[in-house]
């Protein structure tokens, strides 16, 4: 299993504090081993993230939002769509905007 970031999520990752980044790295290593590590997201508070998953980081303050895809060789990829605080559902809103933008 490979882990890849969309560009916006890569920027979020780079902007994280060093101690948070270490915790995120640990979760991403676990994600490489088990793509179904996170909890499935659905349509909540009018934010439809069906098909995406979340992983809690640092006392459930931060979230990693990802989906599982396959490349042309049928290799599973955990595609990271966002990393950030849950604060007022902001991370979920940002990911939803990114999904709509790419359609």
N, C-alpha and C. Protein backbone atom coordinates (compact mmCIF):
# COMPACT_ATOMS: atom_id res chain seq x y z
N UNK A 1 0.85 -1.18 0.00
CA UNK A 1 0.00 0.00 0.00
C UNK A 1 0.88 1.23 0.00
N UNK A 2 0.59 2.12 -0.91
CA UNK A 2 1.31 3.39 -0.99
C UNK A 2 0.43 4.49 -0.39
N UNK A 3 1.06 5.51 0.14
CA UNK A 3 0.36 6.67 0.66
C UNK A 3 0.80 7.87 -0.17
N UNK A 4 -0.18 8.58 -0.74
CA UNK A 4 0.11 9.76 -1.56
C UNK A 4 -0.75 10.92 -1.09
N UNK A 5 -0.25 12.12 -1.29
CA UNK A 5 -0.97 13.33 -0.90
C UNK A 5 -1.44 14.07 -2.15
N UNK A 6 -2.66 14.61 -2.10
CA UNK A 6 -3.02 15.57 -3.13
C UNK A 6 -2.27 16.86 -2.76
N UNK A 7 -2.03 17.78 -3.69
CA UNK A 7 -1.19 18.97 -3.39
C UNK A 7 -1.65 19.78 -2.18
N UNK A 8 -2.94 19.99 -2.04
CA UNK A 8 -3.44 20.78 -0.91
C UNK A 8 -3.14 20.10 0.43
N UNK A 9 -3.28 18.79 0.47
CA UNK A 9 -2.99 18.04 1.70
C UNK A 9 -1.49 18.05 2.00
N UNK A 10 -0.67 18.02 0.96
CA UNK A 10 0.78 18.08 1.15
C UNK A 10 1.17 19.41 1.81
N UNK A 11 0.52 20.49 1.40
CA UNK A 11 0.78 21.81 2.01
C UNK A 11 0.37 21.80 3.47
N UNK A 12 -0.78 21.20 3.76
CA UNK A 12 -1.23 21.12 5.16
C UNK A 12 -0.23 20.32 6.00
N UNK A 13 0.25 19.22 5.44
CA UNK A 13 1.22 18.38 6.15
C UNK A 13 2.49 19.17 6.44
N UNK A 14 3.00 19.88 5.45
CA UNK A 14 4.24 20.64 5.62
C UNK A 14 4.10 21.75 6.65
N UNK A 15 2.89 22.27 6.82
CA UNK A 15 2.70 23.38 7.76
C UNK A 15 2.47 22.92 9.21
N UNK A 16 2.38 21.61 9.43
CA UNK A 16 2.16 21.11 10.78
C UNK A 16 3.37 21.35 11.68
N UNK A 17 3.09 21.54 12.94
CA UNK A 17 4.12 21.63 13.97
C UNK A 17 4.89 20.30 14.00
N UNK A 18 6.18 20.36 14.30
CA UNK A 18 7.03 19.17 14.30
C UNK A 18 6.51 18.01 15.14
N UNK A 19 6.00 18.30 16.35
CA UNK A 19 5.52 17.22 17.21
C UNK A 19 4.25 16.59 16.64
N UNK A 20 3.39 17.40 16.04
CA UNK A 20 2.16 16.86 15.41
C UNK A 20 2.54 16.06 14.18
N UNK A 21 3.52 16.56 13.43
CA UNK A 21 3.95 15.87 12.20
C UNK A 21 4.47 14.47 12.53
N UNK A 22 5.17 14.33 13.65
CA UNK A 22 5.66 13.00 14.06
C UNK A 22 4.50 12.05 14.34
N UNK A 23 3.46 12.56 14.98
CA UNK A 23 2.28 11.73 15.27
C UNK A 23 1.55 11.36 13.97
N UNK A 24 1.48 12.30 13.04
CA UNK A 24 0.86 12.03 11.74
C UNK A 24 1.68 10.97 11.00
N UNK A 25 3.01 11.12 11.02
CA UNK A 25 3.88 10.15 10.35
C UNK A 25 3.64 8.73 10.89
N UNK A 26 3.47 8.63 12.20
CA UNK A 26 3.23 7.32 12.82
C UNK A 26 1.93 6.71 12.29
N UNK A 27 0.88 7.53 12.18
CA UNK A 27 -0.40 7.04 11.66
C UNK A 27 -0.29 6.68 10.18
N UNK A 28 0.47 7.45 9.42
CA UNK A 28 0.64 7.15 8.00
C UNK A 28 1.39 5.84 7.80
N UNK A 29 2.34 5.54 8.68
CA UNK A 29 3.04 4.24 8.62
C UNK A 29 2.06 3.10 8.86
N UNK A 30 1.17 3.28 9.83
CA UNK A 30 0.15 2.26 10.11
C UNK A 30 -0.81 2.13 8.93
N UNK A 31 -1.13 3.24 8.30
CA UNK A 31 -2.03 3.24 7.16
C UNK A 31 -1.44 2.46 5.99
N UNK A 32 -0.13 2.54 5.82
CA UNK A 32 0.54 1.76 4.76
C UNK A 32 0.32 0.27 4.97
N UNK A 33 0.25 -0.16 6.22
CA UNK A 33 0.06 -1.58 6.54
C UNK A 33 -1.40 -2.00 6.44
N UNK A 34 -2.30 -1.07 6.79
CA UNK A 34 -3.73 -1.39 6.83
C UNK A 34 -4.54 -0.22 6.28
N UNK A 35 -4.97 -0.28 5.02
CA UNK A 35 -5.70 0.85 4.43
C UNK A 35 -7.05 1.11 5.08
N UNK A 36 -7.58 0.14 5.81
CA UNK A 36 -8.88 0.32 6.45
C UNK A 36 -8.74 0.68 7.92
N UNK A 37 -7.63 1.30 8.26
CA UNK A 37 -7.34 1.72 9.63
C UNK A 37 -8.35 2.76 10.13
N UNK A 38 -8.73 3.66 9.26
CA UNK A 38 -9.60 4.77 9.66
C UNK A 38 -11.06 4.40 9.71
N UNK A 39 -11.85 5.34 10.21
CA UNK A 39 -13.31 5.17 10.28
C UNK A 39 -13.93 5.75 9.01
N UNK A 40 -14.90 5.04 8.46
CA UNK A 40 -15.58 5.51 7.26
C UNK A 40 -16.37 6.79 7.56
N UNK A 41 -16.29 7.72 6.64
CA UNK A 41 -17.08 8.95 6.72
C UNK A 41 -18.30 8.79 5.83
N UNK A 42 -19.30 9.55 6.08
CA UNK A 42 -20.51 9.50 5.26
C UNK A 42 -21.00 10.91 4.99
N UNK A 43 -22.30 11.08 5.01
CA UNK A 43 -22.89 12.40 4.82
C UNK A 43 -23.34 12.90 6.18
N UNK A 44 -22.60 13.83 6.73
CA UNK A 44 -22.89 14.34 8.07
C UNK A 44 -22.87 15.86 8.02
N UNK A 45 -23.85 16.48 8.64
CA UNK A 45 -23.95 17.95 8.65
C UNK A 45 -23.90 18.54 7.25
N UNK A 46 -24.53 17.85 6.30
CA UNK A 46 -24.58 18.29 4.91
C UNK A 46 -23.22 18.33 4.23
N UNK A 47 -22.26 17.57 4.74
CA UNK A 47 -20.94 17.45 4.13
C UNK A 47 -20.79 15.99 3.71
N UNK A 48 -20.94 15.72 2.42
CA UNK A 48 -20.91 14.34 1.93
C UNK A 48 -19.48 13.90 1.64
N UNK A 49 -18.97 13.03 2.50
CA UNK A 49 -17.64 12.45 2.32
C UNK A 49 -17.74 10.93 2.25
N UNK A 50 -18.80 10.45 1.65
CA UNK A 50 -18.99 9.02 1.46
C UNK A 50 -17.84 8.48 0.63
N UNK A 51 -17.24 7.37 1.08
CA UNK A 51 -16.11 6.79 0.37
C UNK A 51 -14.76 7.25 0.91
N UNK A 52 -14.79 8.14 1.88
CA UNK A 52 -13.57 8.65 2.52
C UNK A 52 -13.50 8.14 3.95
N UNK A 53 -12.30 8.21 4.51
CA UNK A 53 -12.05 7.73 5.87
C UNK A 53 -11.35 8.80 6.67
N UNK A 54 -11.45 8.68 8.01
CA UNK A 54 -10.73 9.60 8.89
C UNK A 54 -9.91 8.81 9.90
N UNK A 55 -8.79 9.38 10.24
CA UNK A 55 -7.93 8.85 11.30
C UNK A 55 -7.73 9.98 12.30
N UNK A 56 -7.91 9.67 13.57
CA UNK A 56 -7.68 10.65 14.63
C UNK A 56 -6.20 10.74 14.95
N UNK A 57 -5.75 11.97 15.22
CA UNK A 57 -4.37 12.20 15.63
C UNK A 57 -4.38 13.19 16.79
N UNK A 58 -3.50 13.00 17.72
CA UNK A 58 -3.28 13.89 18.86
C UNK A 58 -4.58 14.19 19.60
N UNK A 59 -4.99 13.25 20.42
CA UNK A 59 -6.16 13.40 21.29
C UNK A 59 -7.42 13.77 20.51
N UNK A 60 -7.53 13.27 19.31
CA UNK A 60 -8.69 13.50 18.42
C UNK A 60 -8.84 14.96 18.00
N UNK A 61 -7.79 15.77 18.16
CA UNK A 61 -7.86 17.17 17.75
C UNK A 61 -7.65 17.29 16.24
N UNK A 62 -6.74 16.49 15.71
CA UNK A 62 -6.44 16.52 14.27
C UNK A 62 -7.06 15.32 13.57
N UNK A 63 -7.31 15.48 12.29
CA UNK A 63 -7.85 14.41 11.46
C UNK A 63 -7.01 14.27 10.20
N UNK A 64 -6.86 13.05 9.76
CA UNK A 64 -6.32 12.75 8.43
C UNK A 64 -7.51 12.21 7.64
N UNK A 65 -7.83 12.84 6.53
CA UNK A 65 -8.94 12.38 5.69
C UNK A 65 -8.35 11.81 4.41
N UNK A 66 -8.77 10.58 4.07
CA UNK A 66 -8.21 9.91 2.90
C UNK A 66 -9.24 9.03 2.22
N UNK A 67 -8.89 8.60 1.02
CA UNK A 67 -9.70 7.60 0.33
C UNK A 67 -8.76 6.55 -0.22
N UNK A 68 -9.31 5.41 -0.54
CA UNK A 68 -8.52 4.31 -1.09
C UNK A 68 -8.82 4.22 -2.58
N UNK A 69 -7.76 4.25 -3.38
CA UNK A 69 -7.90 4.13 -4.83
C UNK A 69 -6.94 3.05 -5.31
N UNK A 70 -6.95 2.79 -6.61
CA UNK A 70 -5.99 1.86 -7.22
C UNK A 70 -5.34 2.53 -8.41
N UNK A 71 -4.07 2.20 -8.64
CA UNK A 71 -3.42 2.72 -9.84
C UNK A 71 -3.64 1.73 -10.99
N UNK A 72 -3.00 2.00 -12.12
CA UNK A 72 -3.21 1.16 -13.31
C UNK A 72 -2.74 -0.28 -13.12
N UNK A 73 -1.90 -0.53 -12.12
CA UNK A 73 -1.43 -1.88 -11.84
C UNK A 73 -2.20 -2.54 -10.69
N UNK A 74 -3.36 -1.97 -10.36
CA UNK A 74 -4.20 -2.47 -9.28
C UNK A 74 -3.52 -2.46 -7.91
N UNK A 75 -2.61 -1.51 -7.73
CA UNK A 75 -1.96 -1.34 -6.43
C UNK A 75 -2.78 -0.33 -5.64
N UNK A 76 -3.17 -0.72 -4.43
CA UNK A 76 -3.97 0.17 -3.60
C UNK A 76 -3.15 1.37 -3.13
N UNK A 77 -3.79 2.52 -3.15
CA UNK A 77 -3.16 3.77 -2.72
C UNK A 77 -4.09 4.44 -1.72
N UNK A 78 -3.53 4.85 -0.61
CA UNK A 78 -4.27 5.69 0.33
C UNK A 78 -3.96 7.13 -0.07
N UNK A 79 -4.95 7.80 -0.61
CA UNK A 79 -4.79 9.15 -1.12
C UNK A 79 -5.23 10.13 -0.03
N UNK A 80 -4.28 10.89 0.50
CA UNK A 80 -4.57 11.83 1.59
C UNK A 80 -5.17 13.10 0.98
N UNK A 81 -6.36 13.46 1.45
CA UNK A 81 -7.08 14.63 0.93
C UNK A 81 -7.06 15.79 1.90
N UNK A 82 -6.70 15.56 3.15
CA UNK A 82 -6.64 16.66 4.10
C UNK A 82 -6.09 16.24 5.44
N UNK A 83 -5.40 17.18 6.09
CA UNK A 83 -4.90 16.98 7.45
C UNK A 83 -5.15 18.29 8.18
N UNK A 84 -5.88 18.21 9.27
CA UNK A 84 -6.13 19.44 10.02
C UNK A 84 -7.00 19.20 11.22
N UNK A 85 -7.30 20.30 11.90
CA UNK A 85 -8.14 20.24 13.09
C UNK A 85 -9.60 20.07 12.70
N UNK A 86 -10.32 19.42 13.58
CA UNK A 86 -11.75 19.24 13.36
C UNK A 86 -12.50 20.55 13.56
N UNK A 87 -11.89 21.50 14.21
CA UNK A 87 -12.49 22.77 14.59
C UNK A 87 -13.61 23.22 13.66
N UNK A 88 -14.83 23.22 14.17
CA UNK A 88 -16.03 23.62 13.42
C UNK A 88 -16.15 22.89 12.09
N UNK A 89 -15.72 21.63 12.07
CA UNK A 89 -15.79 20.77 10.88
C UNK A 89 -14.98 21.31 9.71
N UNK A 90 -14.05 22.21 9.97
CA UNK A 90 -13.29 22.88 8.90
C UNK A 90 -12.57 21.90 7.99
N UNK A 91 -11.93 20.89 8.55
CA UNK A 91 -11.19 19.94 7.71
C UNK A 91 -12.13 19.22 6.75
N UNK A 92 -13.31 18.86 7.22
CA UNK A 92 -14.26 18.16 6.37
C UNK A 92 -14.81 19.08 5.27
N UNK A 93 -15.07 20.34 5.63
CA UNK A 93 -15.53 21.31 4.63
C UNK A 93 -14.48 21.53 3.55
N UNK A 94 -13.21 21.64 3.98
CA UNK A 94 -12.12 21.85 3.01
C UNK A 94 -12.00 20.66 2.06
N UNK A 95 -12.07 19.45 2.59
CA UNK A 95 -11.96 18.26 1.73
C UNK A 95 -13.13 18.22 0.76
N UNK A 96 -14.33 18.53 1.23
CA UNK A 96 -15.51 18.52 0.34
C UNK A 96 -15.33 19.51 -0.81
N UNK A 97 -14.80 20.70 -0.51
CA UNK A 97 -14.54 21.71 -1.55
C UNK A 97 -13.54 21.17 -2.57
N UNK A 98 -12.53 20.47 -2.09
CA UNK A 98 -11.52 19.91 -2.99
C UNK A 98 -12.12 18.84 -3.91
N UNK A 99 -13.02 18.02 -3.35
CA UNK A 99 -13.67 16.99 -4.14
C UNK A 99 -14.49 17.63 -5.27
N UNK A 100 -15.29 18.63 -4.90
CA UNK A 100 -16.14 19.31 -5.89
C UNK A 100 -15.27 19.99 -6.96
N UNK A 101 -14.20 20.61 -6.55
CA UNK A 101 -13.30 21.32 -7.47
C UNK A 101 -12.69 20.38 -8.52
N UNK A 102 -12.43 19.14 -8.12
CA UNK A 102 -11.77 18.19 -9.01
C UNK A 102 -12.74 17.41 -9.91
N UNK A 103 -14.03 17.56 -9.71
CA UNK A 103 -15.00 16.81 -10.53
C UNK A 103 -15.10 17.39 -11.92
